[in-house]
Amino acid sequence: MSAMAEDGEEEQASAYEKALDNARKERAAEMQRRETLKQLLEPAAYERLANIRAASPQMYQQLAQLVIYLYQNGQLRGKLSEEALQQLIGKIVSNRRETKITRISK
């Protein structure tokens, strides 16, 4: 086998190892995030957040970051209820820009 082919295989193996390592780190971070959220949310609120994760991963990320941020800054007292989580969801949704489609007839 030529030296170029061996170098290509080594680079490919190295890239694969890096991707695998990144995937492991992301999984560990997500597991840590879930454990933190379980401690900060009431069971009904955590279940709602899990449903949001399945339906809208982007919304889940925003909510998870917001809940953790509120906790870290001392703005969260006790476990967050489902009603309080719904209020946070409402704030996030209302901040999104709405797209309006207007039909023009001739």
N, C-alpha and C. Protein backbone atom coordinates (compact mmCIF):
# COMPACT_ATOMS: atom_id res chain seq x y z
N MET A 1 0.85 -1.17 0.00
CA MET A 1 0.00 0.00 0.00
C MET A 1 0.90 1.23 0.00
N SER A 2 0.48 2.26 -0.71
CA SER A 2 1.31 3.45 -0.81
C SER A 2 1.18 4.31 0.44
N ALA A 3 2.15 5.19 0.61
CA ALA A 3 2.16 6.07 1.78
C ALA A 3 0.97 7.03 1.75
N MET A 4 0.57 7.45 0.54
CA MET A 4 -0.57 8.37 0.42
C MET A 4 -1.86 7.70 0.88
N ALA A 5 -2.03 6.45 0.53
CA ALA A 5 -3.23 5.73 0.93
C ALA A 5 -3.27 5.55 2.44
N GLU A 6 -2.11 5.25 3.03
CA GLU A 6 -2.05 5.10 4.48
C GLU A 6 -2.36 6.42 5.18
N ASP A 7 -1.83 7.53 4.64
CA ASP A 7 -2.10 8.85 5.23
C ASP A 7 -3.59 9.17 5.15
N GLY A 8 -4.20 8.84 4.03
CA GLY A 8 -5.64 9.09 3.87
C GLY A 8 -6.46 8.28 4.85
N GLU A 9 -6.07 7.04 5.06
CA GLU A 9 -6.78 6.19 6.02
C GLU A 9 -6.60 6.70 7.44
N GLU A 10 -5.38 7.17 7.76
CA GLU A 10 -5.13 7.71 9.09
C GLU A 10 -5.94 8.98 9.33
N GLU A 11 -6.02 9.85 8.32
CA GLU A 11 -6.81 11.07 8.45
C GLU A 11 -8.28 10.74 8.62
N GLN A 12 -8.75 9.74 7.86
CA GLN A 12 -10.15 9.34 7.96
C GLN A 12 -10.44 8.76 9.34
N ALA A 13 -9.54 7.94 9.85
CA ALA A 13 -9.71 7.36 11.18
C ALA A 13 -9.68 8.45 12.25
N SER A 14 -8.79 9.42 12.07
CA SER A 14 -8.69 10.52 13.02
C SER A 14 -9.97 11.36 13.01
N ALA A 15 -10.50 11.63 11.83
CA ALA A 15 -11.74 12.40 11.71
C ALA A 15 -12.90 11.63 12.35
N TYR A 16 -12.92 10.33 12.15
CA TYR A 16 -13.96 9.49 12.74
C TYR A 16 -13.88 9.53 14.26
N GLU A 17 -12.66 9.43 14.79
CA GLU A 17 -12.46 9.47 16.25
C GLU A 17 -12.91 10.82 16.82
N LYS A 18 -12.60 11.90 16.11
CA LYS A 18 -13.01 13.23 16.57
C LYS A 18 -14.53 13.34 16.57
N ALA A 19 -15.17 12.86 15.52
CA ALA A 19 -16.63 12.91 15.44
C ALA A 19 -17.26 12.07 16.55
N LEU A 20 -16.69 10.91 16.79
CA LEU A 20 -17.18 10.03 17.85
C LEU A 20 -17.00 10.69 19.22
N ASP A 21 -15.87 11.33 19.42
CA ASP A 21 -15.60 12.03 20.68
C ASP A 21 -16.57 13.19 20.87
N ASN A 22 -16.83 13.95 19.81
CA ASN A 22 -17.79 15.05 19.89
C ASN A 22 -19.18 14.54 20.22
N ALA A 23 -19.57 13.44 19.61
CA ALA A 23 -20.89 12.86 19.87
C ALA A 23 -21.00 12.42 21.33
N ARG A 24 -19.93 11.84 21.86
CA ARG A 24 -19.93 11.43 23.27
C ARG A 24 -20.07 12.63 24.19
N LYS A 25 -19.34 13.71 23.88
CA LYS A 25 -19.40 14.91 24.70
C LYS A 25 -20.79 15.54 24.66
N GLU A 26 -21.39 15.58 23.47
CA GLU A 26 -22.74 16.14 23.33
C GLU A 26 -23.75 15.30 24.11
N ARG A 27 -23.60 14.00 24.04
CA ARG A 27 -24.52 13.11 24.77
C ARG A 27 -24.37 13.31 26.29
N ALA A 28 -23.13 13.41 26.75
CA ALA A 28 -22.89 13.62 28.17
C ALA A 28 -23.46 14.96 28.63
N ALA A 29 -23.30 16.00 27.81
CA ALA A 29 -23.84 17.32 28.14
C ALA A 29 -25.36 17.27 28.20
N GLU A 30 -25.99 16.57 27.26
CA GLU A 30 -27.45 16.45 27.26
C GLU A 30 -27.93 15.67 28.47
N MET A 31 -27.23 14.62 28.85
CA MET A 31 -27.61 13.85 30.04
C MET A 31 -27.50 14.73 31.30
N GLN A 32 -26.45 15.52 31.37
CA GLN A 32 -26.28 16.44 32.51
C GLN A 32 -27.40 17.47 32.52
N ARG A 33 -27.75 18.00 31.35
CA ARG A 33 -28.83 18.98 31.25
C ARG A 33 -30.15 18.37 31.72
N ARG A 34 -30.43 17.16 31.31
CA ARG A 34 -31.68 16.49 31.71
C ARG A 34 -31.73 16.28 33.22
N GLU A 35 -30.62 15.85 33.81
CA GLU A 35 -30.58 15.65 35.26
C GLU A 35 -30.81 16.96 36.00
N THR A 36 -30.20 18.02 35.51
CA THR A 36 -30.39 19.33 36.13
C THR A 36 -31.85 19.76 36.03
N LEU A 37 -32.45 19.57 34.85
CA LEU A 37 -33.84 19.97 34.65
C LEU A 37 -34.78 19.14 35.53
N LYS A 38 -34.47 17.86 35.72
CA LYS A 38 -35.30 17.02 36.59
C LYS A 38 -35.32 17.57 38.01
N GLN A 39 -34.20 18.14 38.44
CA GLN A 39 -34.11 18.70 39.78
C GLN A 39 -34.81 20.05 39.88
N LEU A 40 -34.89 20.78 38.77
CA LEU A 40 -35.45 22.13 38.79
C LEU A 40 -36.94 22.19 38.48
N LEU A 41 -37.47 21.14 37.86
CA LEU A 41 -38.87 21.15 37.41
C LEU A 41 -39.71 20.13 38.18
N GLU A 42 -40.96 20.48 38.39
CA GLU A 42 -41.91 19.51 38.93
C GLU A 42 -42.11 18.42 37.86
N PRO A 43 -42.53 17.22 38.26
CA PRO A 43 -42.69 16.12 37.29
C PRO A 43 -43.57 16.48 36.08
N ALA A 44 -44.68 17.16 36.30
CA ALA A 44 -45.57 17.53 35.18
C ALA A 44 -44.88 18.50 34.23
N ALA A 45 -44.11 19.43 34.79
CA ALA A 45 -43.38 20.40 33.96
C ALA A 45 -42.28 19.70 33.17
N TYR A 46 -41.59 18.75 33.82
CA TYR A 46 -40.53 18.02 33.12
C TYR A 46 -41.12 17.19 31.98
N GLU A 47 -42.28 16.59 32.23
CA GLU A 47 -42.94 15.79 31.19
C GLU A 47 -43.33 16.68 30.00
N ARG A 48 -43.84 17.87 30.29
CA ARG A 48 -44.20 18.80 29.22
C ARG A 48 -42.95 19.18 28.42
N LEU A 49 -41.86 19.43 29.11
CA LEU A 49 -40.62 19.79 28.44
C LEU A 49 -40.12 18.63 27.58
N ALA A 50 -40.28 17.41 28.05
CA ALA A 50 -39.89 16.23 27.26
C ALA A 50 -40.73 16.14 25.99
N ASN A 51 -42.02 16.45 26.09
CA ASN A 51 -42.88 16.45 24.90
C ASN A 51 -42.44 17.53 23.92
N ILE A 52 -42.06 18.67 24.44
CA ILE A 52 -41.57 19.76 23.58
C ILE A 52 -40.29 19.33 22.89
N ARG A 53 -39.41 18.62 23.62
CA ARG A 53 -38.15 18.15 23.03
C ARG A 53 -38.43 17.27 21.81
N ALA A 54 -39.46 16.42 21.91
CA ALA A 54 -39.80 15.54 20.79
C ALA A 54 -40.39 16.32 19.62
N ALA A 55 -41.19 17.34 19.92
CA ALA A 55 -41.88 18.07 18.87
C ALA A 55 -41.03 19.19 18.26
N SER A 56 -40.26 19.86 19.09
CA SER A 56 -39.50 21.03 18.62
C SER A 56 -38.18 21.13 19.38
N PRO A 57 -37.13 20.48 18.88
CA PRO A 57 -35.84 20.51 19.57
C PRO A 57 -35.30 21.93 19.81
N GLN A 58 -35.56 22.83 18.87
CA GLN A 58 -35.08 24.21 19.02
C GLN A 58 -35.78 24.89 20.21
N MET A 59 -37.08 24.72 20.33
CA MET A 59 -37.84 25.29 21.45
C MET A 59 -37.35 24.68 22.76
N TYR A 60 -37.10 23.37 22.75
CA TYR A 60 -36.59 22.69 23.94
C TYR A 60 -35.27 23.31 24.39
N GLN A 61 -34.36 23.52 23.44
CA GLN A 61 -33.06 24.11 23.78
C GLN A 61 -33.24 25.48 24.42
N GLN A 62 -34.12 26.30 23.84
CA GLN A 62 -34.35 27.64 24.38
C GLN A 62 -34.90 27.56 25.81
N LEU A 63 -35.89 26.71 26.01
CA LEU A 63 -36.50 26.58 27.34
C LEU A 63 -35.51 26.03 28.36
N ALA A 64 -34.77 25.00 27.98
CA ALA A 64 -33.81 24.40 28.89
C ALA A 64 -32.76 25.43 29.31
N GLN A 65 -32.24 26.18 28.34
CA GLN A 65 -31.25 27.20 28.64
C GLN A 65 -31.83 28.28 29.54
N LEU A 66 -33.08 28.67 29.29
CA LEU A 66 -33.72 29.70 30.09
C LEU A 66 -33.93 29.24 31.53
N VAL A 67 -34.42 28.03 31.71
CA VAL A 67 -34.66 27.51 33.07
C VAL A 67 -33.34 27.43 33.84
N ILE A 68 -32.31 26.92 33.21
CA ILE A 68 -31.00 26.81 33.87
C ILE A 68 -30.43 28.19 34.17
N TYR A 69 -30.61 29.13 33.24
CA TYR A 69 -30.15 30.51 33.46
C TYR A 69 -30.86 31.13 34.66
N LEU A 70 -32.18 30.96 34.73
CA LEU A 70 -32.95 31.51 35.85
C LEU A 70 -32.47 30.92 37.18
N TYR A 71 -32.18 29.63 37.18
CA TYR A 71 -31.68 28.98 38.40
C TYR A 71 -30.31 29.54 38.80
N GLN A 72 -29.41 29.64 37.82
CA GLN A 72 -28.05 30.09 38.11
C GLN A 72 -28.02 31.52 38.62
N ASN A 73 -28.99 32.33 38.22
CA ASN A 73 -29.04 33.72 38.65
C ASN A 73 -29.94 33.93 39.87
N GLY A 74 -30.36 32.85 40.50
CA GLY A 74 -31.14 32.95 41.72
C GLY A 74 -32.56 33.43 41.53
N GLN A 75 -33.07 33.38 40.31
CA GLN A 75 -34.42 33.86 40.03
C GLN A 75 -35.45 32.74 40.11
N LEU A 76 -34.99 31.55 40.40
CA LEU A 76 -35.88 30.39 40.47
C LEU A 76 -35.90 29.91 41.92
N ARG A 77 -37.07 29.98 42.54
CA ARG A 77 -37.20 29.54 43.93
C ARG A 77 -38.06 28.28 43.95
N GLY A 78 -37.49 27.21 44.42
CA GLY A 78 -38.23 25.95 44.42
C GLY A 78 -38.29 25.37 43.02
N LYS A 79 -39.08 24.31 42.90
CA LYS A 79 -39.22 23.67 41.59
C LYS A 79 -40.21 24.46 40.74
N LEU A 80 -39.92 24.54 39.46
CA LEU A 80 -40.77 25.26 38.51
C LEU A 80 -42.00 24.41 38.20
N SER A 81 -43.17 25.00 38.34
CA SER A 81 -44.42 24.27 38.09
C SER A 81 -44.72 24.24 36.59
N GLU A 82 -45.68 23.41 36.23
CA GLU A 82 -46.08 23.32 34.83
C GLU A 82 -46.67 24.65 34.37
N GLU A 83 -47.43 25.31 35.24
CA GLU A 83 -48.03 26.60 34.89
C GLU A 83 -46.95 27.65 34.62
N ALA A 84 -45.93 27.67 35.46
CA ALA A 84 -44.83 28.63 35.27
C ALA A 84 -44.07 28.31 33.98
N LEU A 85 -43.91 27.03 33.68
CA LEU A 85 -43.25 26.64 32.43
C LEU A 85 -44.08 27.10 31.24
N GLN A 86 -45.40 26.97 31.34
CA GLN A 86 -46.27 27.42 30.25
C GLN A 86 -46.15 28.92 30.05
N GLN A 87 -45.97 29.67 31.12
CA GLN A 87 -45.77 31.12 30.99
C GLN A 87 -44.46 31.41 30.25
N LEU A 88 -43.41 30.66 30.57
CA LEU A 88 -42.14 30.84 29.86
C LEU A 88 -42.30 30.49 28.38
N ILE A 89 -43.05 29.43 28.10
CA ILE A 89 -43.30 29.04 26.71
C ILE A 89 -44.02 30.17 26.00
N GLY A 90 -45.03 30.74 26.65
CA GLY A 90 -45.77 31.85 26.06
C GLY A 90 -44.89 33.04 25.74
N LYS A 91 -43.94 33.34 26.63
CA LYS A 91 -43.02 34.46 26.38
C LYS A 91 -42.12 34.17 25.19
N ILE A 92 -41.63 32.96 25.09
CA ILE A 92 -40.76 32.60 23.97
C ILE A 92 -41.53 32.64 22.66
N VAL A 93 -42.73 32.08 22.66
CA VAL A 93 -43.54 32.05 21.44
C VAL A 93 -43.93 33.46 21.02
N SER A 94 -44.27 34.33 21.97
CA SER A 94 -44.69 35.69 21.63
C SER A 94 -43.52 36.52 21.09
N ASN A 95 -42.29 36.13 21.42
CA ASN A 95 -41.12 36.85 20.93
C ASN A 95 -40.77 36.47 19.49
N ARG A 96 -41.32 35.38 19.02
CA ARG A 96 -41.05 34.97 17.65
C ARG A 96 -41.79 35.89 16.68
N ARG A 97 -41.17 36.14 15.57
CA ARG A 97 -41.80 36.97 14.55
C ARG A 97 -42.81 36.13 13.81
N GLU A 98 -44.00 36.65 13.67
CA GLU A 98 -45.04 35.92 12.97
C GLU A 98 -44.97 36.22 11.48
N THR A 99 -45.19 35.19 10.69
CA THR A 99 -45.24 35.34 9.25
C THR A 99 -46.70 35.41 8.85
N LYS A 100 -47.04 36.46 8.13
CA LYS A 100 -48.41 36.60 7.68
C LYS A 100 -48.43 36.50 6.16
N ILE A 101 -49.36 35.72 5.68
CA ILE A 101 -49.53 35.57 4.24
C ILE A 101 -50.86 36.23 3.88
N THR A 102 -50.78 37.19 3.00
CA THR A 102 -51.99 37.89 2.57
C THR A 102 -52.29 37.49 1.14
N ARG A 103 -53.51 37.08 0.93
CA ARG A 103 -53.92 36.68 -0.41
C ARG A 103 -54.52 37.88 -1.11
N ILE A 104 -54.01 38.16 -2.27
CA ILE A 104 -54.51 39.27 -3.07
C ILE A 104 -55.27 38.70 -4.25
N SER A 105 -56.57 39.02 -4.33
CA SER A 105 -57.37 38.53 -5.45
C SER A 105 -57.55 39.63 -6.47
N LYS A 106 -57.64 39.21 -7.70
CA LYS A 106 -57.83 40.18 -8.79
C LYS A 106 -59.27 40.27 -9.16
